[in-house]
């Protein structure tokens, strides 16, 4: 039986490796899309200080394209031998935008011209300039302070200051462990990981693990909870390592990238079919694999707990919980060790509820005593696994086509036959292996004349996304709603069915003349991946509401939508209501 499961795992890993190899190949139309390269802070924001004829100080910032400075983060101090010199600061109006970190703020693009008026005469003085800026692609720099020696008598200005401070200012936010921003992002990642347990793609796996606690001792519960946690955290870190390695190699990929491989999706569906058949009683894998019986204390049981955690992370990849988007967007702009910390926090958050159940006295008292109900519940839990397998095979069909999906379904049938034959010795085992090999072959087959439609096709009123079409619509003054989605994204499908495709929201879009633009990421698309990165996201869904005025910034909507959220965003971009405007 282990040989059969090993074949399934080899199918998934081999096809995923082939998919990643495809991603690494250069495009026939040119080089692969490069990873975003951020400028050093001193190149992104260049400042000149000069003394005017009337002894004022003019601070002139030259800001690189797609970078900006926060108006409220400027600080100015001037001191001479007599102490601090009072300053009157004249800041120009900026562009208003909704910021992920500070809320409603004003920012400067391109340049900022600031005038400082000293409150008294000064001779030789030291000017300290504080500032903080970000890039549209998602990177935020920490606050930096620059120092200048001002000689009002001669009119000379020279840069000065501590070299170690200048060096630290060049590092992105979170580059030094223990920073407030890093701690905040780790908290968001932990909370987002905890919420993942409520997603329908994770719940069946978690239920199997909780079921195993009914017949276990306190020592076993504690031990297996920690081993499960180790599997979850290790899997998140492994996924993070693969993401970082591929991004460093120039690939624009993000969270859930493995589900863009039809081969991986089919292999995962086969695994759910096998698990469901085991729960239904067709075949017994044993406590070392399913970890639902009395083999909790042996070595195999610990292995089962670890790989239950691994499987939970795999099936969680179609989901993006609240707070995850912000944390993942932060992680992709940081050094590798910071990104690994963020993903480890996601894993810790996802594992925390089960760990708490393992130690909870209340959970033990509430849980019914072991009995026949466990076998009934185990068989019932097989049906969510079958449903998940059906959904995964549907995703594979959307990615490839109906012929490939039919071949995969036939492969699932051969897999079921093989698992049934495995119970018979000699000729049964040989026939079982032949059936599994046939399932692997069918799962690997692709029809040459098929292409998937992805994202359920485009219904009436929707247009496909492209950078060129979006720019054209914005230049024409047309409001646009951009929906970055995929068939394998459960959060996306839930938002579409409960909010975006409702009559109320559809009619509101029509009244405001909003073009609904769909960016389908079901299959790999480097342009969409780069678009996500520019908006500080590493996964989907992503929802952007662009006003008709091309000078106004888009509104970034949350990843879990409500009708009021969308209607409020429509109201905010209405020409009749105040919104995000340039002052």
Protein backbone atom coordinates (compact mmCIF):
# COMPACT_ATOMS: atom_id res chain seq x y z
CA UNK A 1 0.00 0.00 0.00
CA UNK A 2 2.90 2.35 0.73
CA UNK A 3 4.15 1.69 -2.80
CA UNK A 4 0.81 2.81 -4.17
CA UNK A 5 0.89 6.06 -2.22
CA UNK A 6 4.51 6.64 -3.16
CA UNK A 7 3.49 6.43 -6.82
CA UNK A 8 0.88 9.14 -6.25
CA UNK A 9 3.40 11.38 -4.53
CA UNK A 10 5.91 10.86 -7.32
CA UNK A 11 3.23 11.86 -9.83
CA UNK A 12 2.53 15.11 -7.96
CA UNK A 13 6.17 16.02 -7.35
CA UNK A 14 7.26 15.13 -10.88
CA UNK A 15 4.54 17.13 -12.56
CA UNK A 16 5.07 20.09 -10.25
CA UNK A 17 8.78 20.01 -10.99
CA UNK A 18 8.00 19.95 -14.70
CA UNK A 19 5.68 22.92 -14.27
CA UNK A 20 8.34 24.88 -12.37
CA UNK A 21 10.82 24.00 -15.05
CA UNK A 22 8.42 25.48 -17.59
CA UNK A 23 8.18 28.64 -15.52
CA UNK A 24 11.95 28.99 -15.49
CA UNK A 25 12.26 28.83 -19.26
CA UNK A 26 12.65 32.12 -21.15
CA UNK A 27 9.64 33.36 -23.06
CA UNK A 28 9.75 33.05 -26.84
CA UNK A 29 8.85 36.73 -26.94
CA UNK A 30 11.78 37.79 -24.81
CA UNK A 31 13.35 37.30 -21.43
CA UNK A 32 11.36 36.07 -18.48
CA UNK A 33 9.65 38.72 -16.42
CA UNK A 34 12.28 39.91 -13.92
CA UNK A 35 11.78 40.25 -10.21
CA UNK A 36 11.09 43.84 -9.18
CA UNK A 37 14.40 45.54 -8.37
CA UNK A 38 14.03 48.26 -5.74
CA UNK A 39 16.27 51.30 -5.68
CA UNK A 40 18.53 52.07 -2.73
CA UNK A 41 16.93 54.71 -0.55
CA UNK A 42 19.47 57.37 -1.52
CA UNK A 43 18.62 56.89 -5.22
CA UNK A 44 14.86 56.73 -4.72
CA UNK A 45 14.79 59.99 -2.76
CA UNK A 46 17.41 62.63 -3.53
CA UNK A 47 17.39 65.89 -1.60
CA UNK A 48 19.03 69.28 -2.15
CA UNK A 49 19.30 71.94 0.56
CA UNK A 50 20.02 75.57 -0.27
CA UNK A 51 19.99 78.92 1.55
CA UNK A 52 17.79 81.52 -0.12
CA UNK A 53 18.61 85.20 -0.36
CA UNK A 54 16.33 85.99 2.59
CA UNK A 55 18.09 83.38 4.80
CA UNK A 56 15.39 80.78 4.45
CA UNK A 57 16.13 77.14 3.80
CA UNK A 58 14.77 75.48 0.68
CA UNK A 59 14.49 71.67 0.83
CA UNK A 60 13.93 70.18 -2.61
CA UNK A 61 13.24 66.46 -2.99
CA UNK A 62 13.57 64.65 -6.32
CA UNK A 63 11.57 61.41 -6.12
CA UNK A 64 12.06 58.48 -8.53
CA UNK A 65 9.16 57.27 -10.69
CA UNK A 66 6.64 55.02 -8.87
CA UNK A 67 8.10 56.03 -5.49
CA UNK A 68 6.56 58.49 -3.03
CA UNK A 69 7.21 60.25 0.28
CA UNK A 70 4.73 60.63 3.15
CA UNK A 71 3.87 64.25 3.96
CA UNK A 72 3.19 63.53 7.63
CA UNK A 73 6.49 61.67 8.11
CA UNK A 74 8.69 64.74 7.47
CA UNK A 75 10.56 66.11 10.50
CA UNK A 76 12.86 69.13 10.61
CA UNK A 77 15.16 70.39 13.34
CA UNK A 78 17.84 73.09 13.27
CA UNK A 79 20.35 73.66 16.06
CA UNK A 80 23.43 75.84 16.56
CA UNK A 81 25.75 76.68 19.44
CA UNK A 82 22.89 78.43 21.28
CA UNK A 83 20.54 75.44 21.05
CA UNK A 84 17.50 74.64 18.96
CA UNK A 85 16.41 77.16 16.35
CA UNK A 86 12.61 77.52 15.97
CA UNK A 87 11.43 76.68 12.45
CA UNK A 88 8.33 77.61 10.50
CA UNK A 89 7.65 74.87 7.96
CA UNK A 90 5.74 75.43 4.70
CA UNK A 91 4.72 72.09 3.21
CA UNK A 92 3.01 71.94 -0.19
CA UNK A 93 -0.24 70.00 -0.57
CA UNK A 94 0.16 66.37 -1.58
CA UNK A 95 -1.85 63.64 -3.25
CA UNK A 96 -4.32 61.90 -0.93
CA UNK A 97 -4.40 58.11 -0.83
CA UNK A 98 -5.54 55.28 1.40
CA UNK A 99 -2.38 53.76 2.84
CA UNK A 100 -2.10 50.21 4.13
CA UNK A 101 -0.05 51.28 7.16
CA UNK A 102 -1.22 54.82 8.03
CA UNK A 103 -4.76 55.02 6.64
CA UNK A 104 -5.76 58.25 4.83
CA UNK A 105 -2.55 60.18 4.11
CA UNK A 106 -0.99 62.69 1.76
CA UNK A 107 2.02 61.69 -0.32
CA UNK A 108 4.40 63.32 -2.77
CA UNK A 109 5.27 61.87 -6.16
CA UNK A 110 8.03 63.19 -8.48
CA UNK A 111 9.12 66.13 -6.28
CA UNK A 112 8.50 68.02 -3.05
CA UNK A 113 9.54 71.65 -2.55
CA UNK A 114 9.61 72.67 1.14
CA UNK A 115 10.50 76.04 2.67
CA UNK A 116 11.87 76.41 6.22
CA UNK A 117 11.94 79.80 7.96
CA UNK A 118 14.28 80.05 11.01
CA UNK A 119 12.76 81.84 13.99
CA UNK A 120 16.03 83.63 14.77
CA UNK A 121 19.36 84.35 13.17
CA UNK A 122 21.84 81.50 13.20
CA UNK A 123 25.48 81.20 12.24
CA UNK A 124 26.71 77.67 11.66
CA UNK A 125 23.95 75.19 12.39
CA UNK A 126 23.08 71.51 11.91
CA UNK A 127 19.90 70.63 10.04
CA UNK A 128 18.30 67.20 10.62
CA UNK A 129 15.79 66.05 7.97
CA UNK A 130 13.54 63.11 8.75
CA UNK A 131 11.53 61.35 6.02
CA UNK A 132 9.92 58.06 5.05
CA UNK A 133 8.82 56.74 1.68
CA UNK A 134 7.53 53.70 -0.16
CA UNK A 135 7.40 52.25 -3.67
CA UNK A 136 4.18 51.50 -5.52
CA UNK A 137 5.46 47.94 -6.03
CA UNK A 138 5.11 47.24 -2.30
CA UNK A 139 8.41 48.10 -0.59
CA UNK A 140 8.38 50.57 2.32
CA UNK A 141 11.62 52.02 3.66
CA UNK A 142 12.09 52.76 7.37
CA UNK A 143 12.24 56.38 8.56
CA UNK A 144 15.60 57.93 7.76
CA UNK A 145 17.34 61.03 9.07
CA UNK A 146 19.84 63.02 7.04
CA UNK A 147 22.12 65.73 8.46
CA UNK A 148 23.47 68.89 6.86
CA UNK A 149 25.84 71.56 8.13
CA UNK A 150 24.45 75.01 7.30
CA UNK A 151 26.67 78.11 7.26
CA UNK A 152 24.28 81.05 6.92
CA UNK A 153 27.13 83.55 6.70
CA UNK A 154 28.83 81.99 3.68
CA UNK A 155 25.73 80.39 2.22
CA UNK A 156 27.35 76.93 2.09
CA UNK A 157 25.60 73.62 2.76
CA UNK A 158 27.33 70.27 3.22
CA UNK A 159 26.00 66.82 4.07
CA UNK A 160 27.19 65.33 7.33
CA UNK A 161 26.00 62.79 9.90
CA UNK A 162 26.79 59.35 11.28
CA UNK A 163 27.67 56.76 8.58
CA UNK A 164 26.07 53.91 10.54
CA UNK A 165 22.70 55.67 10.48
CA UNK A 166 22.95 56.19 6.75
CA UNK A 167 23.71 52.52 6.28
CA UNK A 168 20.76 51.41 8.35
CA UNK A 169 18.44 53.73 6.47
CA UNK A 170 19.14 51.91 3.22
CA UNK A 171 17.57 48.70 4.46
CA UNK A 172 13.89 47.93 3.87
CA UNK A 173 11.35 47.78 6.67
CA UNK A 174 11.79 44.63 8.69
CA UNK A 175 15.37 44.07 7.56
CA UNK A 176 16.49 44.36 11.20
CA UNK A 177 14.81 41.83 13.44
CA UNK A 178 12.79 43.26 16.30
CA UNK A 179 11.43 46.25 14.37
CA UNK A 180 7.91 47.36 15.20
CA UNK A 181 6.78 46.84 11.61
CA UNK A 182 8.14 43.30 11.54
CA UNK A 183 6.42 42.43 14.80
CA UNK A 184 3.16 43.84 13.48
CA UNK A 185 3.43 41.80 10.28
CA UNK A 186 4.25 38.65 12.24
CA UNK A 187 1.09 39.23 14.29
CA UNK A 188 -0.98 39.67 11.12
CA UNK A 189 0.52 36.47 9.71
CA UNK A 190 -0.26 34.55 12.91
CA UNK A 191 -3.88 35.74 12.96
CA UNK A 192 -4.29 35.04 9.23
CA UNK A 193 -2.88 31.54 9.68
CA UNK A 194 -5.32 30.85 12.51
CA UNK A 195 -8.28 31.89 10.36
CA UNK A 196 -7.17 29.44 7.66
CA UNK A 197 -8.52 26.63 9.84
CA UNK A 198 -12.05 27.88 9.17
CA UNK A 199 -11.67 27.57 5.40
CA UNK A 200 -13.55 24.68 3.78
CA UNK A 201 -10.42 23.36 2.12
CA UNK A 202 -8.75 22.77 5.51
CA UNK A 203 -11.63 21.69 7.73
CA UNK A 204 -11.85 18.01 6.59
CA UNK A 205 -8.16 17.47 7.35
CA UNK A 206 -8.42 19.19 10.73
CA UNK A 207 -11.50 17.09 11.58
CA UNK A 208 -9.55 13.88 11.03
CA UNK A 209 -6.87 15.04 13.44
CA UNK A 210 -9.35 16.11 16.11
CA UNK A 211 -11.11 12.75 15.76
CA UNK A 212 -7.87 10.98 16.69
CA UNK A 213 -7.83 12.74 20.09
CA UNK A 214 -10.92 10.85 21.29
CA UNK A 215 -9.00 7.64 22.04
CA UNK A 216 -5.63 9.09 23.02
CA UNK A 217 -4.04 9.81 26.38
CA UNK A 218 -2.99 13.28 27.50
CA UNK A 219 0.65 12.50 26.68
CA UNK A 220 -0.26 11.31 23.18
CA UNK A 221 -2.42 14.36 22.51
CA UNK A 222 0.36 16.73 23.53
CA UNK A 223 3.03 14.87 21.57
CA UNK A 224 1.01 14.51 18.39
CA UNK A 225 -0.16 18.12 18.55
CA UNK A 226 3.42 19.33 18.58
CA UNK A 227 4.42 16.97 15.75
CA UNK A 228 1.44 18.23 13.72
CA UNK A 229 2.60 21.80 14.41
CA UNK A 230 6.08 20.90 13.21
CA UNK A 231 4.62 19.57 9.95
CA UNK A 232 2.59 22.73 9.40
CA UNK A 233 5.42 25.17 10.15
CA UNK A 234 7.99 23.15 8.17
CA UNK A 235 5.65 23.09 5.16
CA UNK A 236 5.10 26.85 5.24
CA UNK A 237 8.84 27.45 5.47
CA UNK A 238 9.44 25.00 2.59
CA UNK A 239 6.85 26.80 0.43
CA UNK A 240 8.46 30.12 1.34
CA UNK A 241 11.88 28.78 0.38
CA UNK A 242 10.57 27.65 -3.02
CA UNK A 243 8.88 31.02 -3.60
CA UNK A 244 12.02 32.94 -2.66
CA UNK A 245 14.26 30.74 -4.80
CA UNK A 246 12.01 31.09 -7.86
CA UNK A 247 11.58 34.83 -7.37
CA UNK A 248 15.32 35.26 -6.99
CA UNK A 249 15.65 33.37 -10.28
CA UNK A 250 13.41 35.96 -11.94
CA UNK A 251 10.00 34.29 -11.71
CA UNK A 252 6.93 36.37 -10.85
CA UNK A 253 4.96 33.86 -8.78
CA UNK A 254 2.98 34.01 -5.55
CA UNK A 255 1.00 32.13 -2.92
CA UNK A 256 -0.84 29.17 -4.38
CA UNK A 257 1.53 28.89 -7.36
CA UNK A 258 1.59 25.07 -7.16
CA UNK A 259 -2.13 24.97 -7.99
CA UNK A 260 -1.35 26.59 -11.33
CA UNK A 261 0.06 23.20 -12.34
CA UNK A 262 -2.73 20.86 -13.61
CA UNK A 263 -0.54 17.88 -12.77
CA UNK A 264 -0.26 18.92 -9.14
CA UNK A 265 -4.01 19.58 -8.95
CA UNK A 266 -4.79 16.12 -10.36
CA UNK A 267 -2.33 14.41 -8.01
CA UNK A 268 -3.91 16.21 -5.07
CA UNK A 269 -7.37 15.10 -6.23
CA UNK A 270 -6.14 11.50 -6.40
CA UNK A 271 -4.83 11.80 -2.84
CA UNK A 272 -8.23 13.00 -1.61
CA UNK A 273 -9.95 10.14 -3.42
CA UNK A 274 -7.60 7.65 -1.73
CA UNK A 275 -8.17 9.20 1.70
CA UNK A 276 -11.93 9.21 1.18
CA UNK A 277 -11.95 5.55 0.18
CA UNK A 278 -9.96 4.73 3.30
CA UNK A 279 -12.46 6.55 5.52
CA UNK A 280 -15.31 4.77 3.73
CA UNK A 281 -13.75 1.43 4.65
CA UNK A 282 -12.82 0.27 1.17
CA UNK A 283 -9.18 0.03 2.15
CA UNK A 284 -7.30 0.56 5.41
CA UNK A 285 -4.08 2.53 5.23
CA UNK A 286 -3.32 2.02 8.90
CA UNK A 287 -2.67 4.35 11.80
CA UNK A 288 0.71 5.37 10.46
CA UNK A 289 -0.89 7.17 7.49
CA UNK A 290 -4.36 8.26 8.50
CA UNK A 291 -3.57 8.45 12.22
CA UNK A 292 -7.18 7.80 13.26
CA UNK A 293 -6.80 4.62 15.26
CA UNK A 294 -4.84 3.23 18.17
CA UNK A 295 -1.41 3.53 16.57
CA UNK A 296 -0.92 7.05 17.93
CA UNK A 297 1.96 6.20 20.21
CA UNK A 298 4.22 4.37 17.77
CA UNK A 299 6.65 5.86 15.30
CA UNK A 300 4.24 5.52 12.40
CA UNK A 301 1.65 7.53 14.32
CA UNK A 302 4.06 10.44 14.74
CA UNK A 303 4.84 10.28 11.04
CA UNK A 304 1.13 10.44 10.33
CA UNK A 305 0.75 13.52 12.56
CA UNK A 306 3.59 15.28 10.80
CA UNK A 307 2.26 14.58 7.31
CA UNK A 308 -1.28 15.52 8.35
CA UNK A 309 0.20 18.97 9.00
CA UNK A 310 1.92 18.91 5.62
CA UNK A 311 -1.34 17.96 3.90
CA UNK A 312 -3.24 20.72 5.74
CA UNK A 313 -0.84 23.32 4.31
CA UNK A 314 -1.14 21.89 0.80
CA UNK A 315 -4.92 22.05 0.80
CA UNK A 316 -4.85 25.51 2.43
CA UNK A 317 -2.99 27.01 -0.52
CA UNK A 318 -6.19 27.86 -2.49
CA UNK A 319 -7.31 30.03 0.44
CA UNK A 320 -6.25 33.49 1.52
CA UNK A 321 -7.55 34.44 4.94
CA UNK A 322 -8.01 38.02 6.20
CA UNK A 323 -4.72 39.68 7.20
CA UNK A 324 -2.73 37.16 5.11
CA UNK A 325 -2.58 39.44 2.06
CA UNK A 326 -0.89 42.26 3.96
CA UNK A 327 1.59 39.90 5.60
CA UNK A 328 2.45 38.11 2.34
CA UNK A 329 2.79 41.39 0.47
CA UNK A 330 5.21 42.58 3.14
CA UNK A 331 7.17 39.32 3.04
CA UNK A 332 7.93 39.44 -0.70
CA UNK A 333 9.66 42.82 -0.36
CA UNK A 334 11.93 41.73 2.49
CA UNK A 335 15.23 39.86 2.75
CA UNK A 336 14.84 36.09 2.64
CA UNK A 337 15.21 35.51 6.37
CA UNK A 338 12.45 38.03 7.13
CA UNK A 339 10.15 36.39 4.55
CA UNK A 340 10.84 33.00 6.17
CA UNK A 341 9.91 34.44 9.57
CA UNK A 342 6.59 35.71 8.20
CA UNK A 343 5.75 32.33 6.66
CA UNK A 344 6.76 30.57 9.88
CA UNK A 345 4.34 32.86 11.74
CA UNK A 346 1.61 31.85 9.28
CA UNK A 347 2.33 28.22 10.05
CA UNK A 348 2.36 28.83 13.79
CA UNK A 349 -1.01 30.56 13.53
CA UNK A 350 -2.50 27.71 11.52
CA UNK A 351 -1.20 25.10 13.97
CA UNK A 352 -2.17 27.01 17.13
CA UNK A 353 -5.89 25.98 17.33
CA UNK A 354 -5.12 22.26 17.17
CA UNK A 355 -2.34 22.68 19.72
CA UNK A 356 -4.79 24.43 22.05
CA UNK A 357 -7.29 21.58 21.58
CA UNK A 358 -4.59 19.08 22.51
CA UNK A 359 -4.01 20.86 25.83
CA UNK A 360 -7.58 21.98 26.54
CA UNK A 361 -9.29 20.31 29.47
CA UNK A 362 -12.63 21.74 28.35
CA UNK A 363 -12.24 20.11 24.91
CA UNK A 364 -11.63 16.74 26.56
CA UNK A 365 -14.74 17.09 28.72
CA UNK A 366 -16.96 18.19 25.85
CA UNK A 367 -15.76 15.48 23.46
CA UNK A 368 -17.97 12.33 23.60
CA UNK A 369 -16.49 9.10 24.88
CA UNK A 370 -15.05 6.70 22.28
CA UNK A 371 -17.62 4.43 20.70
CA UNK A 372 -19.46 3.47 17.53
CA UNK A 373 -20.04 7.15 16.74
CA UNK A 374 -16.36 7.44 15.77
CA UNK A 375 -16.71 4.97 12.92
CA UNK A 376 -19.89 6.69 11.71
CA UNK A 377 -18.24 10.12 11.86
CA UNK A 378 -15.16 8.79 10.09
CA UNK A 379 -17.29 7.51 7.20
CA UNK A 380 -19.19 10.80 7.09
CA UNK A 381 -15.95 12.77 6.81
CA UNK A 382 -15.16 10.87 3.61
CA UNK A 383 -17.77 12.88 1.70
CA UNK A 384 -16.10 16.31 2.14
CA UNK A 385 -12.94 14.67 0.82
CA UNK A 386 -14.81 13.35 -2.24
CA UNK A 387 -16.31 16.83 -2.76
CA UNK A 388 -12.83 18.37 -2.57
CA UNK A 389 -11.56 15.87 -5.15
CA UNK A 390 -14.47 16.75 -7.50
CA UNK A 391 -13.66 20.44 -7.13
CA UNK A 392 -9.96 19.86 -7.83
CA UNK A 393 -10.74 17.83 -10.95
CA UNK A 394 -13.06 20.65 -12.08
CA UNK A 395 -10.17 23.11 -11.60
CA UNK A 396 -7.93 20.85 -13.71
CA UNK A 397 -10.63 20.81 -16.39
CA UNK A 398 -10.82 24.63 -16.37
CA UNK A 399 -7.04 24.77 -16.73
CA UNK A 400 -6.77 22.26 -19.55
CA UNK A 401 -10.04 21.12 -21.07
CA UNK A 402 -12.81 18.55 -20.87
CA UNK A 403 -10.76 15.74 -22.45
CA UNK A 404 -7.98 16.05 -19.90
CA UNK A 405 -10.52 16.21 -17.09
CA UNK A 406 -12.18 13.04 -18.43
CA UNK A 407 -8.80 11.30 -18.49
CA UNK A 408 -8.16 12.38 -14.90
CA UNK A 409 -11.59 11.09 -13.83
CA UNK A 410 -10.83 7.77 -15.49
CA UNK A 411 -7.54 7.77 -13.62
CA UNK A 412 -9.42 8.28 -10.35
CA UNK A 413 -11.57 5.26 -11.23
CA UNK A 414 -8.44 3.17 -11.91
CA UNK A 415 -6.99 4.34 -8.61
CA UNK A 416 -10.13 3.20 -6.75
CA UNK A 417 -9.98 -0.17 -8.52
CA UNK A 418 -6.32 -0.52 -7.63
CA UNK A 419 -6.95 0.22 -3.96
CA UNK A 420 -9.74 -2.36 -3.92
CA UNK A 421 -7.54 -5.01 -5.60
CA UNK A 422 -4.72 -4.42 -3.11
CA UNK A 423 -6.56 -6.48 -0.48
CA UNK A 424 -6.00 -9.64 -2.59
CA UNK A 425 -2.60 -11.27 -2.41
CA UNK A 426 -0.42 -12.28 -5.36
CA UNK A 427 -2.31 -11.53 -8.58
CA UNK A 428 -4.39 -8.86 -6.81
CA UNK A 429 -1.27 -6.88 -5.82
CA UNK A 430 0.10 -7.08 -9.36
CA UNK A 431 -3.20 -5.90 -10.83
CA UNK A 432 -3.40 -3.13 -8.21
CA UNK A 433 0.02 -1.78 -9.20
CA UNK A 434 -0.98 -1.91 -12.88
CA UNK A 435 -4.13 0.11 -12.10
CA UNK A 436 -2.17 2.75 -10.18
CA UNK A 437 0.32 3.05 -13.03
CA UNK A 438 -2.61 3.49 -15.39
CA UNK A 439 -3.97 6.23 -13.09
CA UNK A 440 -0.59 7.99 -13.12
CA UNK A 441 -0.46 7.77 -16.91
CA UNK A 442 -4.00 9.12 -17.31
CA UNK A 443 -3.33 11.92 -14.83
CA UNK A 444 -0.23 12.92 -16.79
CA UNK A 445 -1.91 12.93 -20.21
CA UNK A 446 -2.78 16.25 -21.84
CA UNK A 447 -4.89 16.78 -24.96
CA UNK A 448 -2.83 18.73 -27.48
CA UNK A 449 -5.82 20.56 -28.97
CA UNK A 450 -7.31 21.79 -25.69
CA UNK A 451 -6.91 25.00 -23.76
CA UNK A 452 -8.65 25.74 -20.50
CA UNK A 453 -11.02 28.65 -20.16
CA UNK A 454 -10.18 29.50 -16.55
CA UNK A 455 -12.17 31.51 -14.01
CA UNK A 456 -15.44 30.16 -15.31
CA UNK A 457 -15.17 32.09 -18.56
CA UNK A 458 -16.25 35.72 -18.85
CA UNK A 459 -19.91 36.39 -18.23
CA UNK A 460 -21.81 39.33 -19.66
CA UNK A 461 -20.48 42.71 -18.57
CA UNK A 462 -16.93 41.45 -17.88
CA UNK A 463 -13.80 42.02 -19.94
CA UNK A 464 -10.39 40.31 -19.73
CA UNK A 465 -7.66 42.22 -17.93
CA UNK A 466 -4.55 43.57 -19.59
CA UNK A 467 -2.26 46.44 -18.70
CA UNK A 468 -2.92 48.07 -22.07
CA UNK A 469 -6.70 47.83 -21.83
CA UNK A 470 -6.68 49.12 -18.25
CA UNK A 471 -4.54 52.10 -19.26
CA UNK A 472 -6.81 52.80 -22.23
CA UNK A 473 -9.95 52.76 -20.07
CA UNK A 474 -8.39 54.99 -17.46
CA UNK A 475 -7.20 57.48 -20.07
CA UNK A 476 -10.78 57.62 -21.39
CA UNK A 477 -12.06 58.47 -17.91
CA UNK A 478 -13.86 55.15 -17.38
CA UNK A 479 -14.09 53.74 -13.85
CA UNK A 480 -12.77 50.17 -13.66
CA UNK A 481 -13.10 47.36 -11.14
CA UNK A 482 -10.23 44.85 -11.39
CA UNK A 483 -10.86 41.35 -10.00
CA UNK A 484 -7.72 39.18 -9.81
CA UNK A 485 -9.10 35.67 -9.37
CA UNK A 486 -8.58 31.97 -10.15
CA UNK A 487 -10.70 28.83 -10.26
CA UNK A 488 -8.63 27.27 -7.48
CA UNK A 489 -9.09 30.26 -5.15
CA UNK A 490 -11.95 29.38 -2.80
CA UNK A 491 -12.01 32.87 -1.28
CA UNK A 492 -12.41 34.33 -4.78
CA UNK A 493 -15.29 32.00 -5.65
CA UNK A 494 -17.06 32.80 -2.37
CA UNK A 495 -16.75 36.56 -2.95
CA UNK A 496 -18.06 36.21 -6.50
CA UNK A 497 -21.11 34.14 -5.60
CA UNK A 498 -22.15 36.08 -2.48
CA UNK A 499 -21.20 39.64 -3.48
CA UNK A 500 -19.82 40.43 -6.92
CA UNK A 501 -22.35 38.46 -8.97
CA UNK A 502 -25.42 39.53 -6.99
CA UNK A 503 -28.04 41.62 -8.73
CA UNK A 504 -27.56 44.56 -6.36
CA UNK A 505 -23.84 44.90 -7.03
CA UNK A 506 -24.20 44.22 -10.77
CA UNK A 507 -26.82 46.95 -11.10
CA UNK A 508 -24.66 49.36 -9.07
CA UNK A 509 -21.74 48.75 -11.45
CA UNK A 510 -24.02 49.42 -14.43
CA UNK A 511 -25.39 52.67 -12.95
CA UNK A 512 -21.90 54.04 -12.37
CA UNK A 513 -20.60 52.84 -15.75
CA UNK A 514 -17.91 50.71 -14.12
CA UNK A 515 -16.11 48.22 -16.35
CA UNK A 516 -15.67 44.86 -14.58
CA UNK A 517 -12.22 43.57 -15.56
CA UNK A 518 -11.15 40.01 -14.73
CA UNK A 519 -7.50 39.02 -14.37
CA UNK A 520 -7.59 35.21 -14.46
CA UNK A 521 -4.62 33.66 -12.61
CA UNK A 522 -5.88 30.06 -12.81
CA UNK A 523 -2.90 29.30 -15.03
CA UNK A 524 0.48 30.96 -14.66
CA UNK A 525 0.63 34.51 -16.00
CA UNK A 526 3.76 36.58 -15.34
CA UNK A 527 1.97 39.87 -16.13
CA UNK A 528 -0.68 39.22 -13.47
CA UNK A 529 1.99 38.17 -10.96
CA UNK A 530 3.88 41.43 -11.60
CA UNK A 531 0.60 43.37 -11.27
CA UNK A 532 0.04 41.76 -7.85
CA UNK A 533 3.53 42.68 -6.70
CA UNK A 534 3.08 46.29 -7.73
CA UNK A 535 0.12 46.46 -5.40
CA UNK A 536 1.92 44.80 -2.50
CA UNK A 537 0.28 41.40 -2.85
CA UNK A 538 1.73 37.91 -3.22
CA UNK A 539 -1.56 36.05 -3.55
CA UNK A 540 -5.18 36.41 -4.52
CA UNK A 541 -7.85 37.66 -4.41
CA UNK A 542 -6.97 41.26 -5.22
CA UNK A 543 -9.72 43.82 -5.79
CA UNK A 544 -9.04 47.34 -7.08
CA UNK A 545 -11.61 50.06 -7.72
CA UNK A 546 -10.27 52.67 -10.14
CA UNK A 547 -12.01 56.06 -10.27
CA UNK A 548 -12.84 57.61 -13.63
CA UNK A 549 -10.35 60.42 -12.94
CA UNK A 550 -6.98 58.98 -14.06
CA UNK A 551 -5.13 61.24 -11.59
CA UNK A 552 -6.76 59.51 -8.63
CA UNK A 553 -5.35 56.41 -6.99
CA UNK A 554 -7.35 53.15 -6.97
CA UNK A 555 -9.09 51.91 -3.85
CA UNK A 556 -7.73 48.61 -2.50
CA UNK A 557 -10.63 46.50 -1.22
CA UNK A 558 -10.30 43.80 1.47
CA UNK A 559 -9.89 40.16 0.50
CA UNK A 560 -13.19 39.13 2.11
CA UNK A 561 -15.90 41.26 0.53
CA UNK A 562 -19.33 42.32 1.66
CA UNK A 563 -21.94 44.09 -0.44
CA UNK A 564 -21.59 47.23 1.67
CA UNK A 565 -17.83 47.24 1.13
CA UNK A 566 -18.23 47.22 -2.65
CA UNK A 567 -21.09 49.74 -2.65
CA UNK A 568 -19.12 52.09 -0.37
CA UNK A 569 -16.16 51.86 -2.75
CA UNK A 570 -18.45 52.72 -5.67
CA UNK A 571 -19.74 55.70 -3.71
CA UNK A 572 -16.19 56.86 -2.92
CA UNK A 573 -15.18 56.99 -6.58
CA UNK A 574 -18.41 58.70 -7.68
CA UNK A 575 -17.75 62.08 -9.35
CA UNK A 576 -20.46 63.56 -7.14
CA UNK A 577 -18.72 62.58 -3.92
CA UNK A 578 -15.32 63.50 -2.51
CA UNK A 579 -12.77 60.80 -2.91
CA UNK A 580 -9.05 60.46 -3.40
CA UNK A 581 -8.12 63.59 -5.26
CA UNK A 582 -5.06 65.62 -5.92
CA UNK A 583 -5.07 68.84 -3.94
